[in-house]
Amino acid sequence: PRDGGRSHEGFDIVAACGTELVAATTGRVLETGYDPALYGNYLLIHGEGEDRSYFYAHMPRPAQTRSPLWTRAGERVGAVGKTGNAITIGCHLHFEIHVHGVPIDPEPELRRWDRYS
């Protein structure tokens, strides 16, 4: 639970500001934007052939994608930052996975992927 009746729907990964972020999957970029209150610079990718979407937040600059609508797994999409409400916490990636629009705990996937990095 968080202030204002909201809940934390993702997993925070502490890393140095500027650490490269890459796309977890090949897919369509659904949204990029800036939310000054919570997420700062963020990116939302819908996985190709999946029912999942992947959300990255607190990047120092707007997302970097090859085109406005598409990205490939492993492609650089941004960097770790501290925008939005992370300005008071420090550098980290806020990462979410949604299945059919419903958030799931991304930690098991992150740990599985970490074995390959």
N, C-alpha and C. Protein backbone atom coordinates (compact mmCIF):
# COMPACT_ATOMS: atom_id res chain seq x y z
N PRO A 1 0.82 -1.21 0.00
CA PRO A 1 0.00 0.00 0.00
C PRO A 1 0.86 1.26 0.00
N ARG A 2 0.33 2.32 -0.63
CA ARG A 2 1.01 3.60 -0.72
C ARG A 2 0.07 4.71 -0.28
N ASP A 3 0.61 5.90 -0.17
CA ASP A 3 -0.19 7.07 0.17
C ASP A 3 -1.34 7.24 -0.81
N GLY A 4 -2.42 7.82 -0.34
CA GLY A 4 -3.55 8.14 -1.21
C GLY A 4 -4.39 6.95 -1.63
N GLY A 5 -4.24 5.79 -0.96
CA GLY A 5 -5.06 4.63 -1.28
C GLY A 5 -4.59 3.84 -2.49
N ARG A 6 -3.46 4.19 -3.05
CA ARG A 6 -2.97 3.43 -4.20
C ARG A 6 -2.04 2.31 -3.72
N SER A 7 -1.70 1.38 -4.61
CA SER A 7 -0.77 0.31 -4.25
C SER A 7 0.40 0.32 -5.23
N HIS A 8 1.50 -0.22 -4.78
CA HIS A 8 2.71 -0.32 -5.61
C HIS A 8 2.53 -1.53 -6.50
N GLU A 9 2.45 -1.31 -7.81
CA GLU A 9 2.11 -2.39 -8.74
C GLU A 9 3.32 -2.96 -9.46
N GLY A 10 4.50 -2.60 -9.05
CA GLY A 10 5.69 -3.08 -9.75
C GLY A 10 6.78 -3.50 -8.81
N PHE A 11 7.99 -3.49 -9.35
CA PHE A 11 9.18 -3.89 -8.62
C PHE A 11 10.22 -2.82 -8.87
N ASP A 12 10.85 -2.34 -7.82
CA ASP A 12 11.87 -1.31 -7.95
C ASP A 12 13.26 -1.95 -7.95
N ILE A 13 14.05 -1.60 -8.95
CA ILE A 13 15.39 -2.14 -9.09
C ILE A 13 16.36 -0.98 -8.95
N VAL A 14 17.12 -0.98 -7.87
CA VAL A 14 18.08 0.08 -7.62
C VAL A 14 19.29 -0.13 -8.53
N ALA A 15 19.68 0.94 -9.19
CA ALA A 15 20.85 0.92 -10.07
C ALA A 15 21.36 2.34 -10.20
N ALA A 16 22.58 2.47 -10.66
CA ALA A 16 23.16 3.79 -10.85
C ALA A 16 22.41 4.56 -11.93
N CYS A 17 22.24 5.85 -11.70
CA CYS A 17 21.64 6.70 -12.73
C CYS A 17 22.44 6.55 -14.02
N GLY A 18 21.73 6.43 -15.12
CA GLY A 18 22.37 6.28 -16.42
C GLY A 18 22.57 4.85 -16.87
N THR A 19 22.34 3.86 -15.98
CA THR A 19 22.46 2.46 -16.36
C THR A 19 21.49 2.18 -17.51
N GLU A 20 21.99 1.54 -18.54
CA GLU A 20 21.20 1.27 -19.74
C GLU A 20 19.99 0.37 -19.44
N LEU A 21 18.85 0.71 -20.03
CA LEU A 21 17.65 -0.12 -19.98
C LEU A 21 17.38 -0.66 -21.37
N VAL A 22 17.08 -1.95 -21.46
CA VAL A 22 16.75 -2.56 -22.75
C VAL A 22 15.36 -3.15 -22.68
N ALA A 23 14.74 -3.30 -23.83
CA ALA A 23 13.40 -3.87 -23.92
C ALA A 23 13.43 -5.33 -23.47
N ALA A 24 12.50 -5.68 -22.59
CA ALA A 24 12.39 -7.06 -22.11
C ALA A 24 11.84 -7.98 -23.18
N THR A 25 11.16 -7.40 -24.18
CA THR A 25 10.50 -8.20 -25.20
C THR A 25 10.40 -7.40 -26.49
N THR A 26 10.17 -8.09 -27.57
CA THR A 26 9.84 -7.42 -28.83
C THR A 26 8.37 -7.06 -28.77
N GLY A 27 8.08 -5.84 -29.17
CA GLY A 27 6.68 -5.46 -29.13
C GLY A 27 6.42 -4.05 -29.60
N ARG A 28 5.19 -3.68 -29.47
CA ARG A 28 4.71 -2.38 -29.91
C ARG A 28 4.76 -1.40 -28.75
N VAL A 29 5.30 -0.23 -29.01
CA VAL A 29 5.30 0.82 -28.01
C VAL A 29 3.89 1.39 -27.95
N LEU A 30 3.23 1.20 -26.82
CA LEU A 30 1.86 1.69 -26.65
C LEU A 30 1.84 3.14 -26.19
N GLU A 31 2.81 3.49 -25.34
CA GLU A 31 2.77 4.83 -24.78
C GLU A 31 4.14 5.21 -24.23
N THR A 32 4.50 6.45 -24.43
CA THR A 32 5.62 7.07 -23.75
C THR A 32 5.10 8.38 -23.20
N GLY A 33 5.68 8.85 -22.13
CA GLY A 33 5.20 10.10 -21.60
C GLY A 33 5.95 10.53 -20.37
N TYR A 34 5.39 11.55 -19.73
CA TYR A 34 5.98 12.09 -18.52
C TYR A 34 4.87 12.35 -17.50
N ASP A 35 5.03 11.80 -16.32
CA ASP A 35 4.11 12.00 -15.22
C ASP A 35 4.91 12.60 -14.06
N PRO A 36 4.77 13.91 -13.81
CA PRO A 36 5.60 14.54 -12.79
C PRO A 36 5.31 14.07 -11.37
N ALA A 37 4.10 13.58 -11.11
CA ALA A 37 3.73 13.17 -9.75
C ALA A 37 4.28 11.81 -9.36
N LEU A 38 4.23 10.83 -10.26
CA LEU A 38 4.62 9.46 -9.90
C LEU A 38 5.77 8.91 -10.72
N TYR A 39 5.54 8.72 -12.02
CA TYR A 39 6.44 7.90 -12.83
C TYR A 39 7.56 8.64 -13.53
N GLY A 40 7.49 9.94 -13.62
CA GLY A 40 8.49 10.65 -14.41
C GLY A 40 8.39 10.22 -15.86
N ASN A 41 9.52 10.09 -16.53
CA ASN A 41 9.54 9.60 -17.92
C ASN A 41 9.27 8.10 -17.90
N TYR A 42 8.31 7.68 -18.71
CA TYR A 42 7.93 6.26 -18.70
C TYR A 42 7.73 5.73 -20.11
N LEU A 43 7.68 4.40 -20.19
CA LEU A 43 7.51 3.68 -21.45
C LEU A 43 6.63 2.47 -21.19
N LEU A 44 5.69 2.20 -22.10
CA LEU A 44 4.82 1.03 -22.02
C LEU A 44 4.92 0.27 -23.33
N ILE A 45 5.34 -1.00 -23.26
CA ILE A 45 5.50 -1.86 -24.44
C ILE A 45 4.55 -3.04 -24.30
N HIS A 46 3.79 -3.34 -25.36
CA HIS A 46 2.96 -4.53 -25.40
C HIS A 46 3.72 -5.61 -26.16
N GLY A 47 3.96 -6.75 -25.51
CA GLY A 47 4.73 -7.83 -26.11
C GLY A 47 4.06 -8.43 -27.33
N GLU A 48 4.85 -8.63 -28.38
CA GLU A 48 4.35 -9.23 -29.62
C GLU A 48 3.90 -10.67 -29.35
N GLY A 49 2.66 -10.99 -29.72
CA GLY A 49 2.13 -12.34 -29.53
C GLY A 49 1.89 -12.69 -28.07
N GLU A 50 1.85 -11.70 -27.19
CA GLU A 50 1.65 -11.93 -25.77
C GLU A 50 0.40 -11.21 -25.29
N ASP A 51 -0.03 -11.56 -24.11
CA ASP A 51 -1.11 -10.83 -23.44
C ASP A 51 -0.53 -9.93 -22.36
N ARG A 52 0.76 -9.63 -22.49
CA ARG A 52 1.48 -8.87 -21.47
C ARG A 52 1.92 -7.51 -21.99
N SER A 53 1.97 -6.56 -21.05
CA SER A 53 2.57 -5.25 -21.31
C SER A 53 3.62 -5.02 -20.25
N TYR A 54 4.65 -4.27 -20.64
CA TYR A 54 5.81 -4.02 -19.78
C TYR A 54 5.98 -2.51 -19.61
N PHE A 55 6.11 -2.07 -18.37
CA PHE A 55 6.13 -0.65 -18.05
C PHE A 55 7.44 -0.30 -17.35
N TYR A 56 8.10 0.72 -17.84
CA TYR A 56 9.38 1.20 -17.29
C TYR A 56 9.17 2.65 -16.84
N ALA A 57 9.63 3.00 -15.64
CA ALA A 57 9.42 4.37 -15.16
C ALA A 57 10.66 4.94 -14.48
N HIS A 58 10.68 6.26 -14.37
CA HIS A 58 11.70 7.09 -13.72
C HIS A 58 12.91 7.34 -14.60
N MET A 59 12.80 7.14 -15.90
CA MET A 59 13.93 7.39 -16.80
C MET A 59 14.27 8.88 -16.82
N PRO A 60 15.55 9.23 -16.97
CA PRO A 60 15.94 10.64 -16.94
C PRO A 60 15.47 11.43 -18.16
N ARG A 61 15.29 10.74 -19.27
CA ARG A 61 14.85 11.38 -20.51
C ARG A 61 13.75 10.53 -21.13
N PRO A 62 13.02 11.09 -22.08
CA PRO A 62 12.00 10.28 -22.77
C PRO A 62 12.61 9.00 -23.36
N ALA A 63 11.77 7.99 -23.50
CA ALA A 63 12.20 6.68 -24.01
C ALA A 63 12.86 6.80 -25.37
N GLN A 64 13.85 5.92 -25.58
CA GLN A 64 14.53 5.83 -26.88
C GLN A 64 14.04 4.56 -27.57
N THR A 65 13.39 4.71 -28.68
CA THR A 65 12.95 3.55 -29.45
C THR A 65 13.36 3.74 -30.90
N ARG A 66 13.53 2.62 -31.62
CA ARG A 66 13.93 2.70 -33.04
C ARG A 66 12.91 3.44 -33.86
N SER A 67 11.69 3.26 -33.54
CA SER A 67 10.62 3.96 -34.24
C SER A 67 9.56 4.31 -33.19
N PRO A 68 8.64 5.16 -33.51
CA PRO A 68 7.66 5.51 -32.49
C PRO A 68 6.73 4.37 -32.09
N LEU A 69 6.69 3.30 -32.87
CA LEU A 69 5.68 2.28 -32.60
C LEU A 69 6.22 0.88 -32.32
N TRP A 70 7.53 0.65 -32.38
CA TRP A 70 8.04 -0.72 -32.33
C TRP A 70 9.39 -0.76 -31.66
N THR A 71 9.68 -1.83 -30.90
CA THR A 71 11.00 -2.05 -30.33
C THR A 71 11.27 -3.54 -30.32
N ARG A 72 12.52 -3.90 -30.27
CA ARG A 72 12.93 -5.31 -30.26
C ARG A 72 13.55 -5.68 -28.93
N ALA A 73 13.40 -6.94 -28.52
CA ALA A 73 14.00 -7.42 -27.27
C ALA A 73 15.49 -7.12 -27.27
N GLY A 74 15.97 -6.57 -26.17
CA GLY A 74 17.39 -6.27 -26.04
C GLY A 74 17.79 -4.91 -26.58
N GLU A 75 16.88 -4.22 -27.25
CA GLU A 75 17.18 -2.90 -27.80
C GLU A 75 17.15 -1.86 -26.68
N ARG A 76 18.10 -0.95 -26.70
CA ARG A 76 18.14 0.12 -25.70
C ARG A 76 16.88 0.98 -25.83
N VAL A 77 16.23 1.20 -24.69
CA VAL A 77 15.02 2.02 -24.69
C VAL A 77 15.14 3.22 -23.76
N GLY A 78 16.19 3.26 -22.96
CA GLY A 78 16.36 4.37 -22.04
C GLY A 78 17.43 4.08 -21.03
N ALA A 79 17.32 4.77 -19.88
CA ALA A 79 18.30 4.63 -18.82
C ALA A 79 17.61 4.76 -17.47
N VAL A 80 18.27 4.26 -16.44
CA VAL A 80 17.78 4.40 -15.07
C VAL A 80 17.89 5.86 -14.67
N GLY A 81 16.86 6.33 -13.98
CA GLY A 81 16.88 7.72 -13.54
C GLY A 81 16.17 7.90 -12.21
N LYS A 82 15.78 9.14 -11.95
CA LYS A 82 15.07 9.45 -10.71
C LYS A 82 14.06 10.57 -10.93
N THR A 83 13.27 10.43 -12.00
CA THR A 83 12.22 11.41 -12.29
C THR A 83 10.92 11.01 -11.60
N GLY A 84 9.97 11.93 -11.59
CA GLY A 84 8.70 11.68 -10.90
C GLY A 84 8.94 11.63 -9.41
N ASN A 85 8.27 10.73 -8.70
CA ASN A 85 8.44 10.66 -7.26
C ASN A 85 9.76 10.01 -6.84
N ALA A 86 10.54 9.52 -7.78
CA ALA A 86 11.84 8.93 -7.46
C ALA A 86 12.87 10.00 -7.13
N ILE A 87 12.55 11.25 -7.40
CA ILE A 87 13.51 12.33 -7.13
C ILE A 87 13.88 12.36 -5.65
N THR A 88 12.97 11.95 -4.77
CA THR A 88 13.25 11.94 -3.34
C THR A 88 13.84 10.61 -2.86
N ILE A 89 13.78 9.58 -3.71
CA ILE A 89 14.23 8.24 -3.32
C ILE A 89 15.61 7.94 -3.88
N GLY A 90 15.85 8.34 -5.11
CA GLY A 90 17.12 8.06 -5.77
C GLY A 90 16.92 7.22 -7.01
N CYS A 91 18.02 6.95 -7.67
CA CYS A 91 18.00 6.26 -8.96
C CYS A 91 17.51 4.83 -8.83
N HIS A 92 16.52 4.51 -9.65
CA HIS A 92 16.03 3.14 -9.74
C HIS A 92 15.09 3.02 -10.93
N LEU A 93 14.87 1.78 -11.36
CA LEU A 93 13.87 1.47 -12.38
C LEU A 93 12.64 0.94 -11.66
N HIS A 94 11.50 1.54 -11.96
CA HIS A 94 10.22 0.97 -11.52
C HIS A 94 9.71 0.18 -12.71
N PHE A 95 9.51 -1.14 -12.54
CA PHE A 95 9.16 -2.04 -13.63
C PHE A 95 7.88 -2.78 -13.28
N GLU A 96 6.94 -2.80 -14.23
CA GLU A 96 5.68 -3.51 -14.04
C GLU A 96 5.42 -4.44 -15.22
N ILE A 97 4.71 -5.53 -14.94
CA ILE A 97 4.18 -6.40 -15.98
C ILE A 97 2.67 -6.48 -15.75
N HIS A 98 1.90 -6.27 -16.82
CA HIS A 98 0.45 -6.37 -16.76
C HIS A 98 0.00 -7.47 -17.71
N VAL A 99 -0.90 -8.32 -17.26
CA VAL A 99 -1.49 -9.36 -18.09
C VAL A 99 -2.96 -8.99 -18.27
N HIS A 100 -3.36 -8.78 -19.53
CA HIS A 100 -4.72 -8.30 -19.82
C HIS A 100 -5.05 -7.05 -19.01
N GLY A 101 -4.05 -6.20 -18.82
CA GLY A 101 -4.26 -4.94 -18.10
C GLY A 101 -4.21 -5.03 -16.59
N VAL A 102 -4.02 -6.23 -16.05
CA VAL A 102 -3.98 -6.43 -14.60
C VAL A 102 -2.53 -6.63 -14.16
N PRO A 103 -2.04 -5.85 -13.19
CA PRO A 103 -0.66 -6.01 -12.77
C PRO A 103 -0.41 -7.35 -12.08
N ILE A 104 0.75 -7.93 -12.39
CA ILE A 104 1.20 -9.15 -11.71
C ILE A 104 2.54 -8.82 -11.06
N ASP A 105 2.97 -9.68 -10.16
CA ASP A 105 4.27 -9.49 -9.51
C ASP A 105 5.36 -9.80 -10.54
N PRO A 106 6.19 -8.80 -10.91
CA PRO A 106 7.21 -9.05 -11.92
C PRO A 106 8.48 -9.69 -11.38
N GLU A 107 8.60 -9.82 -10.05
CA GLU A 107 9.85 -10.32 -9.47
C GLU A 107 10.26 -11.69 -10.01
N PRO A 108 9.37 -12.69 -10.11
CA PRO A 108 9.81 -13.99 -10.64
C PRO A 108 10.40 -13.88 -12.05
N GLU A 109 9.79 -13.08 -12.91
CA GLU A 109 10.32 -12.92 -14.27
C GLU A 109 11.67 -12.22 -14.23
N LEU A 110 11.80 -11.18 -13.43
CA LEU A 110 13.06 -10.47 -13.33
C LEU A 110 14.18 -11.39 -12.85
N ARG A 111 13.89 -12.22 -11.88
CA ARG A 111 14.91 -13.16 -11.38
C ARG A 111 15.28 -14.19 -12.44
N ARG A 112 14.28 -14.65 -13.18
CA ARG A 112 14.55 -15.62 -14.26
C ARG A 112 15.42 -14.99 -15.33
N TRP A 113 15.07 -13.76 -15.74
CA TRP A 113 15.86 -13.06 -16.76
C TRP A 113 17.26 -12.74 -16.28
N ASP A 114 17.40 -12.47 -14.98
CA ASP A 114 18.71 -12.11 -14.44
C ASP A 114 19.72 -13.24 -14.58
N ARG A 115 19.25 -14.46 -14.62
CA ARG A 115 20.16 -15.59 -14.82
C ARG A 115 20.88 -15.52 -16.16
N TYR A 116 20.29 -14.80 -17.12
CA TYR A 116 20.85 -14.74 -18.46
C TYR A 116 21.64 -13.46 -18.73
N SER A 117 21.66 -12.56 -17.77
CA SER A 117 22.35 -11.28 -18.01
C SER A 117 23.77 -11.29 -17.50
